Structures are given as C-alpha cells and as structure tokens.
C-alpha cells in the first residue's frame, strides 16, 4: 500500500511540474478570457492587442480557461 501511495504522489508531482512548464498564448484585450495552444488558433483572430506567450500556470492564475476550439 505504501508503494502505491508513493507512486501516486510522484506521478502527481510530475504532472504538476509538466503543466507548469507548458506555454500557451493569450490576447490581452479587455474581453479576452481564454488561453490557446497555438498562436495561429482562429480563436485569436479577433485579438485587438498583441498575442503573448505565457506559462500555463500564469494564464490560469489570471483566470483564463482553455480555448474550446483547441482543447
């Protein structure tokens, strides 16, 4: 049982560190609420500002959610 708990713990740490290193794209316009896998996503086509590359954690901490076109 202890080995199973340790394995689950290590897997959780690995997955968390992987997601925190992932980079996504956001628009910093007033009505922007999503993050995108690609800077070519059609969800960014109406972006009125520049498109920025940020970490997934940064996007989530800013209240952004995943683009439904790509995710």
PDB file of N, CA and C in Angstrom:
ATOM      1  N   UNK A   1       0.820  -1.199   0.000  1.00  0.00           N
ATOM      2  CA  UNK A   1       0.000   0.000   0.000  1.00  0.00           C
ATOM      3  C   UNK A   1       0.862   1.260   0.000  1.00  0.00           C
ATOM      4  N   UNK A   2       1.969   1.228   0.736  1.00  0.00           N
ATOM      5  CA  UNK A   2       2.848   2.396   0.805  1.00  0.00           C
ATOM      6  C   UNK A   2       3.468   2.692  -0.557  1.00  0.00           C
ATOM      7  N   UNK A   3       3.812   1.636  -1.305  1.00  0.00           N
ATOM      8  CA  UNK A   3       4.390   1.832  -2.634  1.00  0.00           C
ATOM      9  C   UNK A   3       3.387   2.499  -3.575  1.00  0.00           C
ATOM     10  N   UNK A   4       2.130   2.116  -3.457  1.00  0.00           N
ATOM     11  CA  UNK A   4       1.081   2.698  -4.306  1.00  0.00           C
ATOM     12  C   UNK A   4       0.913   4.186  -3.998  1.00  0.00           C
ATOM     13  N   UNK A   5       0.913   4.548  -2.724  1.00  0.00           N
ATOM     14  CA  UNK A   5       0.780   5.945  -2.326  1.00  0.00           C
ATOM     15  C   UNK A   5       1.958   6.770  -2.807  1.00  0.00           C
ATOM     16  N   UNK A   6       3.155   6.205  -2.690  1.00  0.00           N
ATOM     17  CA  UNK A   6       4.356   6.894  -3.149  1.00  0.00           C
ATOM     18  C   UNK A   6       4.312   7.099  -4.657  1.00  0.00           C
ATOM     19  N   UNK A   7       3.897   6.078  -5.382  1.00  0.00           N
ATOM     20  CA  UNK A   7       3.799   6.182  -6.839  1.00  0.00           C
ATOM     21  C   UNK A   7       2.787   7.256  -7.252  1.00  0.00           C
ATOM     22  N   UNK A   8       1.648   7.286  -6.599  1.00  0.00           N
ATOM     23  CA  UNK A   8       0.624   8.300  -6.901  1.00  0.00           C
ATOM     24  C   UNK A   8       1.159   9.693  -6.597  1.00  0.00           C
ATOM     25  N   UNK A   9       1.869   9.839  -5.485  1.00  0.00           N
ATOM     26  CA  UNK A   9       2.453  11.134  -5.123  1.00  0.00           C
ATOM     27  C   UNK A   9       3.467  11.607  -6.143  1.00  0.00           C
ATOM     28  N   UNK A  10       4.357  10.712  -6.561  1.00  0.00           N
ATOM     29  CA  UNK A  10       5.373  11.069  -7.547  1.00  0.00           C
ATOM     30  C   UNK A  10       4.752  11.412  -8.896  1.00  0.00           C
ATOM     31  N   UNK A  11       3.736  10.674  -9.284  1.00  0.00           N
ATOM     32  CA  UNK A  11       3.044  10.952 -10.537  1.00  0.00           C
ATOM     33  C   UNK A  11       2.370  12.325 -10.496  1.00  0.00           C
ATOM     34  N   UNK A  12       1.775  12.659  -9.368  1.00  0.00           N
ATOM     35  CA  UNK A  12       1.121  13.962  -9.208  1.00  0.00           C
ATOM     36  C   UNK A  12       2.124  15.099  -9.334  1.00  0.00           C
ATOM     37  N   UNK A  13       3.285  14.953  -8.699  1.00  0.00           N
ATOM     38  CA  UNK A  13       4.328  15.976  -8.775  1.00  0.00           C
ATOM     39  C   UNK A  13       4.820  16.125 -10.205  1.00  0.00           C
ATOM     40  N   UNK A  14       5.027  15.002 -10.888  1.00  0.00           N
ATOM     41  CA  UNK A  14       5.486  15.038 -12.271  1.00  0.00           C
ATOM     42  C   UNK A  14       4.475  15.760 -13.163  1.00  0.00           C
ATOM     43  N   UNK A  15       3.202  15.410 -13.040  1.00  0.00           N
ATOM     44  CA  UNK A  15       2.173  16.037 -13.875  1.00  0.00           C
ATOM     45  C   UNK A  15       2.048  17.516 -13.578  1.00  0.00           C
ATOM     46  N   UNK A  16       2.147  17.912 -12.312  1.00  0.00           N
ATOM     47  CA  UNK A  16       2.062  19.325 -11.955  1.00  0.00           C
ATOM     48  C   UNK A  16       3.235  20.098 -12.540  1.00  0.00           C
ATOM     49  N   UNK A  17       4.444  19.551 -12.444  1.00  0.00           N
ATOM     50  CA  UNK A  17       5.611  20.256 -12.961  1.00  0.00           C
ATOM     51  C   UNK A  17       5.566  20.337 -14.476  1.00  0.00           C
ATOM     52  N   UNK A  18       5.032  19.313 -15.143  1.00  0.00           N
ATOM     53  CA  UNK A  18       4.909  19.349 -16.598  1.00  0.00           C
ATOM     54  C   UNK A  18       3.936  20.438 -17.031  1.00  0.00           C
ATOM     55  N   UNK A  19       2.780  20.540 -16.378  1.00  0.00           N
ATOM     56  CA  UNK A  19       1.783  21.529 -16.776  1.00  0.00           C
ATOM     57  C   UNK A  19       2.251  22.939 -16.478  1.00  0.00           C
ATOM     58  N   UNK A  20       3.078  23.130 -15.453  1.00  0.00           N
ATOM     59  CA  UNK A  20       3.533  24.468 -15.122  1.00  0.00           C
ATOM     60  C   UNK A  20       4.581  24.968 -16.113  1.00  0.00           C
ATOM     61  N   UNK A  21       5.240  24.040 -16.852  1.00  0.00           N
ATOM     62  CA  UNK A  21       6.251  24.432 -17.824  1.00  0.00           C
ATOM     63  C   UNK A  21       5.664  24.627 -19.217  1.00  0.00           C
ATOM     64  N   UNK A  22       4.450  24.215 -19.415  1.00  0.00           N
ATOM     65  CA  UNK A  22       3.804  24.331 -20.708  1.00  0.00           C
ATOM     66  C   UNK A  22       3.551  25.809 -21.015  1.00  0.00           C
ATOM     67  N   UNK A  23       3.713  26.190 -22.265  1.00  0.00           N
ATOM     68  CA  UNK A  23       3.457  27.572 -22.659  1.00  0.00           C
ATOM     69  C   UNK A  23       2.214  27.630 -23.531  1.00  0.00           C
ATOM     70  N   UNK A  24       1.454  28.694 -23.359  1.00  0.00           N
ATOM     71  CA  UNK A  24       0.224  28.919 -24.104  1.00  0.00           C
ATOM     72  C   UNK A  24       0.214  30.359 -24.594  1.00  0.00           C
ATOM     73  N   UNK A  25      -0.783  30.684 -25.391  1.00  0.00           N
ATOM     74  CA  UNK A  25      -0.882  32.015 -25.976  1.00  0.00           C
ATOM     75  C   UNK A  25      -2.158  32.697 -25.503  1.00  0.00           C
ATOM     76  N   UNK A  26      -2.047  33.997 -25.213  1.00  0.00           N
ATOM     77  CA  UNK A  26      -3.206  34.766 -24.783  1.00  0.00           C
ATOM     78  C   UNK A  26      -3.244  36.096 -25.513  1.00  0.00           C
ATOM     79  N   UNK A  27      -4.427  36.649 -25.572  1.00  0.00           N
ATOM     80  CA  UNK A  27      -4.645  38.008 -26.047  1.00  0.00           C
ATOM     81  C   UNK A  27      -4.913  38.833 -24.791  1.00  0.00           C
ATOM     82  N   UNK A  28      -4.369  40.014 -24.705  1.00  0.00           N
ATOM     83  CA  UNK A  28      -4.574  40.830 -23.508  1.00  0.00           C
ATOM     84  C   UNK A  28      -5.655  41.889 -23.706  1.00  0.00           C
ATOM     85  N   UNK A  29      -6.560  41.658 -24.655  1.00  0.00           N
ATOM     86  CA  UNK A  29      -7.685  42.559 -24.860  1.00  0.00           C
ATOM     87  C   UNK A  29      -8.639  42.536 -23.673  1.00  0.00           C
ATOM     88  N   UNK A  30      -9.499  43.544 -23.569  1.00  0.00           N
ATOM     89  CA  UNK A  30     -10.411  43.684 -22.424  1.00  0.00           C
ATOM     90  C   UNK A  30     -11.347  42.498 -22.253  1.00  0.00           C
ATOM     91  N   UNK A  31     -11.818  41.916 -23.334  1.00  0.00           N
ATOM     92  CA  UNK A  31     -12.803  40.833 -23.229  1.00  0.00           C
ATOM     93  C   UNK A  31     -12.180  39.438 -23.348  1.00  0.00           C
ATOM     94  N   UNK A  32     -10.864  39.339 -23.404  1.00  0.00           N
ATOM     95  CA  UNK A  32     -10.194  38.048 -23.566  1.00  0.00           C
ATOM     96  C   UNK A  32     -10.255  37.235 -22.283  1.00  0.00           C
ATOM     97  N   UNK A  33     -10.654  35.960 -22.424  1.00  0.00           N
ATOM     98  CA  UNK A  33     -10.810  35.098 -21.262  1.00  0.00           C
ATOM     99  C   UNK A  33     -10.222  33.702 -21.462  1.00  0.00           C
ATOM    100  N   UNK A  34      -9.623  33.426 -22.608  1.00  0.00           N
ATOM    101  CA  UNK A  34      -9.155  32.086 -22.952  1.00  0.00           C
ATOM    102  C   UNK A  34      -7.644  32.058 -23.145  1.00  0.00           C
ATOM    103  N   UNK A  35      -7.094  30.847 -23.072  1.00  0.00           N
ATOM    104  CA  UNK A  35      -5.710  30.622 -23.496  1.00  0.00           C
ATOM    105  C   UNK A  35      -5.728  29.587 -24.611  1.00  0.00           C
ATOM    106  N   UNK A  36      -4.679  29.616 -25.448  1.00  0.00           N
ATOM    107  CA  UNK A  36      -4.649  28.845 -26.684  1.00  0.00           C
ATOM    108  C   UNK A  36      -3.346  28.060 -26.803  1.00  0.00           C
ATOM    109  N   UNK A  37      -3.408  26.872 -27.418  1.00  0.00           N
ATOM    110  CA  UNK A  37      -2.221  26.045 -27.653  1.00  0.00           C
ATOM    111  C   UNK A  37      -1.303  26.680 -28.685  1.00  0.00           C
ATOM    112  N   UNK A  38      -1.890  27.307 -29.679  1.00  0.00           N
ATOM    113  CA  UNK A  38      -1.135  27.836 -30.811  1.00  0.00           C
ATOM    114  C   UNK A  38      -1.444  29.313 -31.014  1.00  0.00           C
ATOM    115  N   UNK A  39      -0.437  30.052 -31.453  1.00  0.00           N
ATOM    116  CA  UNK A  39      -0.683  31.461 -31.767  1.00  0.00           C
ATOM    117  C   UNK A  39      -1.427  31.612 -33.095  1.00  0.00           C
ATOM    118  N   UNK A  40      -1.635  30.499 -33.794  1.00  0.00           N
ATOM    119  CA  UNK A  40      -2.385  30.501 -35.057  1.00  0.00           C
ATOM    120  C   UNK A  40      -3.853  30.110 -34.866  1.00  0.00           C
ATOM    121  N   UNK A  41      -4.288  29.862 -33.642  1.00  0.00           N
ATOM    122  CA  UNK A  41      -5.672  29.468 -33.370  1.00  0.00           C
ATOM    123  C   UNK A  41      -6.639  30.529 -33.887  1.00  0.00           C
ATOM    124  N   UNK A  42      -7.717  30.083 -34.514  1.00  0.00           N
ATOM    125  CA  UNK A  42      -8.684  31.050 -35.048  1.00  0.00           C
ATOM    126  C   UNK A  42      -9.403  31.808 -33.929  1.00  0.00           C
ATOM    127  N   UNK A  43      -9.342  31.290 -32.694  1.00  0.00           N
ATOM    128  CA  UNK A  43      -9.905  31.999 -31.549  1.00  0.00           C
ATOM    129  C   UNK A  43      -9.165  33.290 -31.237  1.00  0.00           C
ATOM    130  N   UNK A  44      -7.957  33.419 -31.746  1.00  0.00           N
ATOM    131  CA  UNK A  44      -7.165  34.647 -31.547  1.00  0.00           C
ATOM    132  C   UNK A  44      -7.308  35.623 -32.713  1.00  0.00           C
ATOM    133  N   UNK A  45      -8.101  35.279 -33.706  1.00  0.00           N
ATOM    134  CA  UNK A  45      -8.183  36.106 -34.920  1.00  0.00           C
ATOM    135  C   UNK A  45      -8.770  37.490 -34.672  1.00  0.00           C
ATOM    136  N   UNK A  46      -9.567  37.657 -33.638  1.00  0.00           N
ATOM    137  CA  UNK A  46     -10.152  38.966 -33.340  1.00  0.00           C
ATOM    138  C   UNK A  46      -9.394  39.727 -32.265  1.00  0.00           C
ATOM    139  N   UNK A  47      -8.204  39.275 -31.927  1.00  0.00           N
ATOM    140  CA  UNK A  47      -7.417  39.915 -30.879  1.00  0.00           C
ATOM    141  C   UNK A  47      -7.062  41.343 -31.304  1.00  0.00           C
ATOM    142  N   UNK A  48      -7.409  42.303 -30.461  1.00  0.00           N
ATOM    143  CA  UNK A  48      -7.169  43.715 -30.788  1.00  0.00           C
ATOM    144  C   UNK A  48      -5.817  44.201 -30.257  1.00  0.00           C
ATOM    145  N   UNK A  49      -5.108  43.351 -29.492  1.00  0.00           N
ATOM    146  CA  UNK A  49      -3.780  43.701 -28.982  1.00  0.00           C
ATOM    147  C   UNK A  49      -2.788  42.687 -29.527  1.00  0.00           C
ATOM    148  N   UNK A  50      -1.591  42.704 -29.015  1.00  0.00           N
ATOM    149  CA  UNK A  50      -0.602  41.699 -29.393  1.00  0.00           C
ATOM    150  C   UNK A  50      -0.950  40.369 -28.737  1.00  0.00           C
ATOM    151  N   UNK A  51      -0.416  39.289 -29.279  1.00  0.00           N
ATOM    152  CA  UNK A  51      -0.594  37.961 -28.722  1.00  0.00           C
ATOM    153  C   UNK A  51       0.665  37.641 -27.925  1.00  0.00           C
ATOM    154  N   UNK A  52       0.479  37.160 -26.694  1.00  0.00           N
ATOM    155  CA  UNK A  52       1.589  36.918 -25.792  1.00  0.00           C
ATOM    156  C   UNK A  52       1.734  35.441 -25.462  1.00  0.00           C
ATOM    157  N   UNK A  53       2.974  34.967 -25.348  1.00  0.00           N
ATOM    158  CA  UNK A  53       3.271  33.601 -24.908  1.00  0.00           C
ATOM    159  C   UNK A  53       3.523  33.668 -23.403  1.00  0.00           C
ATOM    160  N   UNK A  54       2.777  32.872 -22.640  1.00  0.00           N
ATOM    161  CA  UNK A  54       2.911  32.834 -21.184  1.00  0.00           C
ATOM    162  C   UNK A  54       2.869  31.377 -20.725  1.00  0.00           C
ATOM    163  N   UNK A  55       3.232  31.128 -19.479  1.00  0.00           N
ATOM    164  CA  UNK A  55       3.133  29.771 -18.952  1.00  0.00           C
ATOM    165  C   UNK A  55       1.666  29.438 -18.713  1.00  0.00           C
ATOM    166  N   UNK A  56       1.369  28.154 -18.734  1.00  0.00           N
ATOM    167  CA  UNK A  56       0.006  27.703 -18.474  1.00  0.00           C
ATOM    168  C   UNK A  56      -0.450  28.155 -17.092  1.00  0.00           C
ATOM    169  N   UNK A  57       0.432  28.052 -16.098  1.00  0.00           N
ATOM    170  CA  UNK A  57       0.074  28.498 -14.746  1.00  0.00           C
ATOM    171  C   UNK A  57      -0.255  29.980 -14.709  1.00  0.00           C
ATOM    172  N   UNK A  58       0.519  30.787 -15.414  1.00  0.00           N
ATOM    173  CA  UNK A  58       0.269  32.229 -15.443  1.00  0.00           C
ATOM    174  C   UNK A  58      -1.100  32.521 -16.059  1.00  0.00           C
ATOM    175  N   UNK A  59      -1.424  31.827 -17.131  1.00  0.00           N
ATOM    176  CA  UNK A  59      -2.724  32.021 -17.779  1.00  0.00           C
ATOM    177  C   UNK A  59      -3.862  31.613 -16.842  1.00  0.00           C
ATOM    178  N   UNK A  60      -3.712  30.467 -16.187  1.00  0.00           N
ATOM    179  CA  UNK A  60      -4.756  30.001 -15.264  1.00  0.00           C
ATOM    180  C   UNK A  60      -4.881  30.924 -14.056  1.00  0.00           C
ATOM    181  N   UNK A  61      -3.754  31.399 -13.531  1.00  0.00           N
ATOM    182  CA  UNK A  61      -3.792  32.306 -12.384  1.00  0.00           C
ATOM    183  C   UNK A  61      -4.457  33.637 -12.731  1.00  0.00           C
ATOM    184  N   UNK A  62      -4.428  33.993 -14.007  1.00  0.00           N
ATOM    185  CA  UNK A  62      -5.079  35.225 -14.461  1.00  0.00           C
ATOM    186  C   UNK A  62      -6.566  34.989 -14.744  1.00  0.00           C
ATOM    187  N   UNK A  63      -7.050  33.779 -14.461  1.00  0.00           N
ATOM    188  CA  UNK A  63      -8.469  33.472 -14.647  1.00  0.00           C
ATOM    189  C   UNK A  63      -8.833  32.999 -16.040  1.00  0.00           C
ATOM    190  N   UNK A  64      -7.826  32.710 -16.861  1.00  0.00           N
ATOM    191  CA  UNK A  64      -8.099  32.244 -18.228  1.00  0.00           C
ATOM    192  C   UNK A  64      -8.500  30.771 -18.209  1.00  0.00           C
ATOM    193  N   UNK A  65      -9.338  30.390 -19.148  1.00  0.00           N
ATOM    194  CA  UNK A  65      -9.726  28.993 -19.332  1.00  0.00           C
ATOM    195  C   UNK A  65      -9.320  28.559 -20.730  1.00  0.00           C
ATOM    196  N   UNK A  66      -9.323  27.247 -20.964  1.00  0.00           N
ATOM    197  CA  UNK A  66      -8.875  26.690 -22.234  1.00  0.00           C
ATOM    198  C   UNK A  66      -9.799  27.069 -23.384  1.00  0.00           C
ATOM    199  N   UNK A  67      -9.217  27.316 -24.529  1.00  0.00           N
ATOM    200  CA  UNK A  67      -9.961  27.571 -25.756  1.00  0.00           C
ATOM    201  C   UNK A  67     -10.707  26.304 -26.148  1.00  0.00           C
ATOM    202  N   UNK A  68     -11.982  26.411 -26.446  1.00  0.00           N
ATOM    203  CA  UNK A  68     -12.781  25.231 -26.799  1.00  0.00           C
ATOM    204  C   UNK A  68     -12.512  24.755 -28.225  1.00  0.00           C
ATOM    205  N   UNK A  69     -11.895  25.549 -29.026  1.00  0.00           N
ATOM    206  CA  UNK A  69     -11.547  25.145 -30.396  1.00  0.00           C
ATOM    207  C   UNK A  69     -10.403  24.129 -30.360  1.00  0.00           C
ATOM    208  N   UNK A  70      -9.417  24.382 -29.508  1.00  0.00           N
ATOM    209  CA  UNK A  70      -8.215  23.551 -29.486  1.00  0.00           C
ATOM    210  C   UNK A  70      -8.193  22.474 -28.412  1.00  0.00           C
ATOM    211  N   UNK A  71      -8.946  22.646 -27.352  1.00  0.00           N
ATOM    212  CA  UNK A  71      -8.887  21.696 -26.230  1.00  0.00           C
ATOM    213  C   UNK A  71     -10.130  20.856 -26.166  1.00  0.00           C
TER     214      UNK A  71
END
